[in-house]
Amino acid sequence: MGELRVRKIQEFIKQEVSRIILHELKDPGLGFVTVTDARITGDLREATVYVSLFGSDEEKANTLAALKKAGGYIRSEVGKHLGIRYSPQIAFKEDSSLDYGMKIDRMLQDIEKKD
């Protein structure tokens, strides 16, 4: 499989999942979520969608559970628009890079205040 094609499919999945979450999912457990990345295996059978979650730990857990619950619907919608033979299985994983960046920023601010 060409690397360029895989990257295009990953970007499409990222955009399509974002659109579905924003416009189509109506689950009350769904909190504030941003799709940050998507990765797909070389055989195009499995995709991992990374999401940045905001809120308390309980709200984050509820949002991730709501996404997993809607996984079948999201998979079918992505498959309809993707144009490949098989719809990839979609797994959601929390992207904690934003939290990590905020932690580093706070640490740097604390150092700056001490000086």
N, C-alpha and C. Protein backbone atom coordinates (compact mmCIF):
# COMPACT_ATOMS: atom_id res chain seq x y z
N MET A 1 0.85 -1.18 0.00
CA MET A 1 0.00 0.00 0.00
C MET A 1 0.90 1.23 0.00
N GLY A 2 0.60 2.19 -0.84
CA GLY A 2 1.41 3.39 -0.92
C GLY A 2 1.28 4.24 0.33
N GLU A 3 2.40 4.78 0.75
CA GLU A 3 2.43 5.60 1.97
C GLU A 3 1.55 6.83 1.83
N LEU A 4 1.56 7.43 0.65
CA LEU A 4 0.73 8.61 0.42
C LEU A 4 -0.75 8.27 0.57
N ARG A 5 -1.17 7.13 0.04
CA ARG A 5 -2.58 6.73 0.14
C ARG A 5 -2.97 6.51 1.60
N VAL A 6 -2.09 5.86 2.36
CA VAL A 6 -2.37 5.62 3.78
C VAL A 6 -2.52 6.94 4.52
N ARG A 7 -1.64 7.91 4.23
CA ARG A 7 -1.73 9.21 4.90
C ARG A 7 -3.02 9.93 4.53
N LYS A 8 -3.43 9.83 3.27
CA LYS A 8 -4.69 10.46 2.86
C LYS A 8 -5.88 9.83 3.56
N ILE A 9 -5.86 8.51 3.70
CA ILE A 9 -6.95 7.81 4.38
C ILE A 9 -6.98 8.19 5.85
N GLN A 10 -5.81 8.29 6.48
CA GLN A 10 -5.75 8.70 7.89
C GLN A 10 -6.33 10.09 8.08
N GLU A 11 -5.98 11.00 7.20
CA GLU A 11 -6.49 12.38 7.30
C GLU A 11 -8.00 12.40 7.07
N PHE A 12 -8.47 11.60 6.11
CA PHE A 12 -9.91 11.52 5.86
C PHE A 12 -10.65 11.00 7.09
N ILE A 13 -10.11 9.94 7.70
CA ILE A 13 -10.75 9.37 8.89
C ILE A 13 -10.79 10.41 10.01
N LYS A 14 -9.71 11.12 10.20
CA LYS A 14 -9.66 12.16 11.23
C LYS A 14 -10.75 13.21 11.00
N GLN A 15 -10.86 13.70 9.78
CA GLN A 15 -11.85 14.72 9.47
C GLN A 15 -13.28 14.18 9.56
N GLU A 16 -13.49 12.98 9.07
CA GLU A 16 -14.84 12.40 9.07
C GLU A 16 -15.32 12.10 10.49
N VAL A 17 -14.44 11.55 11.32
CA VAL A 17 -14.81 11.27 12.70
C VAL A 17 -15.10 12.58 13.43
N SER A 18 -14.32 13.61 13.18
CA SER A 18 -14.58 14.93 13.79
C SER A 18 -15.96 15.44 13.39
N ARG A 19 -16.28 15.32 12.11
CA ARG A 19 -17.57 15.79 11.62
C ARG A 19 -18.72 15.01 12.26
N ILE A 20 -18.56 13.70 12.35
CA ILE A 20 -19.61 12.86 12.93
C ILE A 20 -19.83 13.21 14.40
N ILE A 21 -18.75 13.37 15.14
CA ILE A 21 -18.87 13.71 16.56
C ILE A 21 -19.55 15.06 16.73
N LEU A 22 -19.17 16.01 15.92
CA LEU A 22 -19.70 17.37 16.04
C LEU A 22 -21.16 17.48 15.62
N HIS A 23 -21.54 16.81 14.53
CA HIS A 23 -22.86 17.04 13.95
C HIS A 23 -23.87 15.92 14.14
N GLU A 24 -23.42 14.71 14.42
CA GLU A 24 -24.36 13.60 14.40
C GLU A 24 -24.57 12.89 15.74
N LEU A 25 -23.57 12.88 16.60
CA LEU A 25 -23.73 12.17 17.87
C LEU A 25 -24.50 13.04 18.86
N LYS A 26 -25.48 12.44 19.49
CA LYS A 26 -26.34 13.17 20.43
C LYS A 26 -26.31 12.55 21.83
N ASP A 27 -25.28 11.80 22.14
CA ASP A 27 -25.17 11.13 23.44
C ASP A 27 -24.94 12.17 24.54
N PRO A 28 -25.77 12.16 25.60
CA PRO A 28 -25.58 13.14 26.68
C PRO A 28 -24.27 12.93 27.46
N GLY A 29 -23.69 11.75 27.37
CA GLY A 29 -22.43 11.49 28.07
C GLY A 29 -21.23 12.04 27.33
N LEU A 30 -21.46 12.52 26.13
CA LEU A 30 -20.37 13.03 25.31
C LEU A 30 -20.02 14.44 25.75
N GLY A 31 -18.80 14.62 26.22
CA GLY A 31 -18.34 15.93 26.66
C GLY A 31 -17.58 16.63 25.57
N PHE A 32 -16.71 17.54 25.97
CA PHE A 32 -15.92 18.30 25.01
C PHE A 32 -14.76 17.44 24.52
N VAL A 33 -14.73 17.18 23.23
CA VAL A 33 -13.73 16.28 22.66
C VAL A 33 -13.22 16.85 21.34
N THR A 34 -11.92 16.67 21.10
CA THR A 34 -11.30 17.10 19.86
C THR A 34 -10.51 15.92 19.29
N VAL A 35 -10.72 15.63 18.02
CA VAL A 35 -9.94 14.57 17.36
C VAL A 35 -8.59 15.18 16.98
N THR A 36 -7.52 14.57 17.48
CA THR A 36 -6.18 15.12 17.23
C THR A 36 -5.41 14.36 16.16
N ASP A 37 -5.70 13.08 15.99
CA ASP A 37 -4.94 12.28 15.03
C ASP A 37 -5.68 11.00 14.73
N ALA A 38 -5.30 10.36 13.63
CA ALA A 38 -5.83 9.05 13.28
C ALA A 38 -4.70 8.26 12.65
N ARG A 39 -4.60 7.01 13.01
CA ARG A 39 -3.59 6.10 12.45
C ARG A 39 -4.31 4.85 11.98
N ILE A 40 -3.85 4.32 10.85
CA ILE A 40 -4.47 3.12 10.30
C ILE A 40 -3.37 2.12 9.97
N THR A 41 -3.70 0.84 10.13
CA THR A 41 -2.73 -0.20 9.83
C THR A 41 -2.52 -0.29 8.32
N GLY A 42 -1.44 -0.91 7.92
CA GLY A 42 -1.09 -1.02 6.51
C GLY A 42 -2.13 -1.76 5.69
N ASP A 43 -2.85 -2.70 6.32
CA ASP A 43 -3.89 -3.45 5.58
C ASP A 43 -5.24 -2.74 5.61
N LEU A 44 -5.30 -1.56 6.23
CA LEU A 44 -6.50 -0.71 6.30
C LEU A 44 -7.65 -1.34 7.06
N ARG A 45 -7.37 -2.28 7.94
CA ARG A 45 -8.42 -2.97 8.68
C ARG A 45 -8.70 -2.38 10.05
N GLU A 46 -7.71 -1.72 10.65
CA GLU A 46 -7.87 -1.17 11.99
C GLU A 46 -7.35 0.26 12.05
N ALA A 47 -8.14 1.12 12.65
CA ALA A 47 -7.75 2.52 12.81
C ALA A 47 -7.81 2.89 14.28
N THR A 48 -6.87 3.71 14.70
CA THR A 48 -6.88 4.26 16.04
C THR A 48 -7.08 5.76 15.90
N VAL A 49 -8.09 6.27 16.58
CA VAL A 49 -8.40 7.70 16.55
C VAL A 49 -8.03 8.26 17.92
N TYR A 50 -7.14 9.25 17.91
CA TYR A 50 -6.70 9.88 19.15
C TYR A 50 -7.54 11.11 19.41
N VAL A 51 -8.04 11.21 20.63
CA VAL A 51 -8.91 12.32 21.00
C VAL A 51 -8.38 13.02 22.23
N SER A 52 -8.51 14.33 22.23
CA SER A 52 -8.16 15.14 23.38
C SER A 52 -9.46 15.41 24.14
N LEU A 53 -9.48 15.05 25.41
CA LEU A 53 -10.69 15.17 26.22
C LEU A 53 -10.52 16.25 27.27
N PHE A 54 -11.59 17.00 27.51
CA PHE A 54 -11.53 18.09 28.48
C PHE A 54 -12.58 17.85 29.56
N GLY A 55 -12.25 18.26 30.78
CA GLY A 55 -13.16 18.11 31.90
C GLY A 55 -12.52 17.32 33.02
N SER A 56 -13.33 16.94 33.99
CA SER A 56 -12.84 16.15 35.11
C SER A 56 -12.54 14.74 34.64
N ASP A 57 -11.91 13.96 35.50
CA ASP A 57 -11.60 12.57 35.15
C ASP A 57 -12.87 11.78 34.86
N GLU A 58 -13.93 12.06 35.61
CA GLU A 58 -15.21 11.37 35.39
C GLU A 58 -15.81 11.75 34.04
N GLU A 59 -15.75 13.04 33.70
CA GLU A 59 -16.28 13.50 32.42
C GLU A 59 -15.48 12.91 31.26
N LYS A 60 -14.16 12.83 31.43
CA LYS A 60 -13.32 12.23 30.40
C LYS A 60 -13.68 10.76 30.20
N ALA A 61 -13.86 10.04 31.30
CA ALA A 61 -14.23 8.62 31.21
C ALA A 61 -15.58 8.44 30.54
N ASN A 62 -16.54 9.31 30.88
CA ASN A 62 -17.87 9.24 30.25
C ASN A 62 -17.80 9.53 28.76
N THR A 63 -16.99 10.50 28.38
CA THR A 63 -16.85 10.84 26.97
C THR A 63 -16.21 9.70 26.19
N LEU A 64 -15.16 9.11 26.75
CA LEU A 64 -14.51 7.98 26.07
C LEU A 64 -15.46 6.79 25.96
N ALA A 65 -16.26 6.54 27.01
CA ALA A 65 -17.25 5.46 26.96
C ALA A 65 -18.32 5.74 25.89
N ALA A 66 -18.74 7.00 25.77
CA ALA A 66 -19.74 7.36 24.76
C ALA A 66 -19.18 7.17 23.36
N LEU A 67 -17.91 7.50 23.15
CA LEU A 67 -17.29 7.30 21.85
C LEU A 67 -17.19 5.81 21.51
N LYS A 68 -16.81 5.01 22.49
CA LYS A 68 -16.71 3.56 22.25
C LYS A 68 -18.08 2.97 21.95
N LYS A 69 -19.09 3.47 22.64
CA LYS A 69 -20.46 3.00 22.42
C LYS A 69 -20.93 3.34 21.00
N ALA A 70 -20.52 4.50 20.51
CA ALA A 70 -20.92 4.94 19.16
C ALA A 70 -19.97 4.43 18.08
N GLY A 71 -19.01 3.60 18.46
CA GLY A 71 -17.99 3.13 17.52
C GLY A 71 -18.55 2.45 16.29
N GLY A 72 -19.57 1.63 16.45
CA GLY A 72 -20.17 0.93 15.32
C GLY A 72 -20.81 1.89 14.34
N TYR A 73 -21.52 2.87 14.85
CA TYR A 73 -22.15 3.87 14.00
C TYR A 73 -21.08 4.68 13.27
N ILE A 74 -20.06 5.10 14.00
CA ILE A 74 -18.98 5.89 13.40
C ILE A 74 -18.29 5.08 12.32
N ARG A 75 -18.04 3.81 12.59
CA ARG A 75 -17.39 2.94 11.60
C ARG A 75 -18.23 2.85 10.33
N SER A 76 -19.53 2.64 10.47
CA SER A 76 -20.37 2.51 9.28
C SER A 76 -20.43 3.81 8.49
N GLU A 77 -20.49 4.95 9.17
CA GLU A 77 -20.53 6.23 8.47
C GLU A 77 -19.21 6.52 7.76
N VAL A 78 -18.10 6.22 8.42
CA VAL A 78 -16.79 6.42 7.79
C VAL A 78 -16.68 5.50 6.57
N GLY A 79 -17.12 4.26 6.72
CA GLY A 79 -17.05 3.30 5.62
C GLY A 79 -17.85 3.72 4.41
N LYS A 80 -19.01 4.33 4.64
CA LYS A 80 -19.85 4.80 3.53
C LYS A 80 -19.14 5.84 2.67
N HIS A 81 -18.36 6.69 3.32
CA HIS A 81 -17.74 7.81 2.61
C HIS A 81 -16.28 7.55 2.23
N LEU A 82 -15.69 6.52 2.77
CA LEU A 82 -14.26 6.27 2.56
C LEU A 82 -13.95 5.71 1.18
N GLY A 83 -14.80 4.84 0.68
CA GLY A 83 -14.58 4.32 -0.66
C GLY A 83 -13.55 3.21 -0.75
N ILE A 84 -13.38 2.44 0.31
CA ILE A 84 -12.52 1.26 0.24
C ILE A 84 -13.38 0.04 0.56
N ARG A 85 -12.83 -1.13 0.26
CA ARG A 85 -13.61 -2.36 0.36
C ARG A 85 -14.14 -2.64 1.77
N TYR A 86 -13.31 -2.47 2.78
CA TYR A 86 -13.70 -2.77 4.16
C TYR A 86 -13.64 -1.51 5.01
N SER A 87 -14.60 -1.37 5.88
CA SER A 87 -14.55 -0.28 6.85
C SER A 87 -13.61 -0.70 7.97
N PRO A 88 -12.66 0.14 8.33
CA PRO A 88 -11.73 -0.24 9.40
C PRO A 88 -12.41 -0.24 10.77
N GLN A 89 -11.98 -1.16 11.62
CA GLN A 89 -12.39 -1.13 13.03
C GLN A 89 -11.79 0.13 13.62
N ILE A 90 -12.56 0.84 14.41
CA ILE A 90 -12.08 2.10 14.98
C ILE A 90 -11.98 1.97 16.49
N ALA A 91 -10.79 2.26 17.00
CA ALA A 91 -10.55 2.28 18.45
C ALA A 91 -10.23 3.73 18.84
N PHE A 92 -10.75 4.16 19.96
CA PHE A 92 -10.50 5.51 20.44
C PHE A 92 -9.51 5.47 21.59
N LYS A 93 -8.51 6.36 21.55
CA LYS A 93 -7.53 6.46 22.62
C LYS A 93 -7.37 7.93 22.99
N GLU A 94 -7.20 8.15 24.29
CA GLU A 94 -7.02 9.52 24.76
C GLU A 94 -5.63 10.02 24.40
N ASP A 95 -5.58 11.22 23.87
CA ASP A 95 -4.32 11.89 23.56
C ASP A 95 -4.04 12.85 24.71
N SER A 96 -3.08 12.52 25.52
CA SER A 96 -2.80 13.32 26.71
C SER A 96 -1.70 14.35 26.48
N SER A 97 -1.30 14.58 25.24
CA SER A 97 -0.21 15.51 24.97
C SER A 97 -0.57 16.94 25.38
N LEU A 98 -1.84 17.33 25.25
CA LEU A 98 -2.25 18.67 25.67
C LEU A 98 -2.11 18.83 27.18
N ASP A 99 -2.54 17.82 27.94
CA ASP A 99 -2.40 17.87 29.39
C ASP A 99 -0.93 17.94 29.78
N TYR A 100 -0.10 17.16 29.08
CA TYR A 100 1.33 17.16 29.36
C TYR A 100 1.94 18.53 29.06
N GLY A 101 1.55 19.12 27.95
CA GLY A 101 2.04 20.45 27.59
C GLY A 101 1.64 21.50 28.61
N MET A 102 0.40 21.42 29.10
CA MET A 102 -0.07 22.36 30.11
C MET A 102 0.71 22.18 31.42
N LYS A 103 1.03 20.95 31.76
CA LYS A 103 1.80 20.66 32.97
C LYS A 103 3.19 21.28 32.86
N ILE A 104 3.84 21.11 31.72
CA ILE A 104 5.17 21.68 31.50
C ILE A 104 5.09 23.21 31.56
N ASP A 105 4.05 23.78 30.97
CA ASP A 105 3.88 25.24 30.99
C ASP A 105 3.74 25.75 32.42
N ARG A 106 2.95 25.04 33.24
CA ARG A 106 2.81 25.44 34.66
C ARG A 106 4.14 25.35 35.39
N MET A 107 4.90 24.32 35.11
CA MET A 107 6.20 24.15 35.76
C MET A 107 7.14 25.31 35.38
N LEU A 108 7.13 25.69 34.11
CA LEU A 108 7.98 26.79 33.66
C LEU A 108 7.54 28.11 34.29
N GLN A 109 6.24 28.31 34.43
CA GLN A 109 5.74 29.52 35.08
C GLN A 109 6.15 29.56 36.54
N ASP A 110 6.09 28.40 37.22
CA ASP A 110 6.51 28.34 38.62
C ASP A 110 7.99 28.67 38.76
N ILE A 111 8.80 28.19 37.85
CA ILE A 111 10.25 28.48 37.87
C ILE A 111 10.47 29.96 37.66
N GLU A 112 9.72 30.53 36.72
CA GLU A 112 9.86 31.96 36.42
C GLU A 112 9.47 32.81 37.62
N LYS A 113 8.45 32.41 38.35
CA LYS A 113 8.01 33.17 39.54
C LYS A 113 9.06 33.12 40.64
N LYS A 114 9.76 32.00 40.75
CA LYS A 114 10.77 31.86 41.80
C LYS A 114 11.99 32.72 41.54
N ASP A 115 12.25 33.01 40.25
CA ASP A 115 13.45 33.82 39.92
C ASP A 115 13.23 35.27 40.11
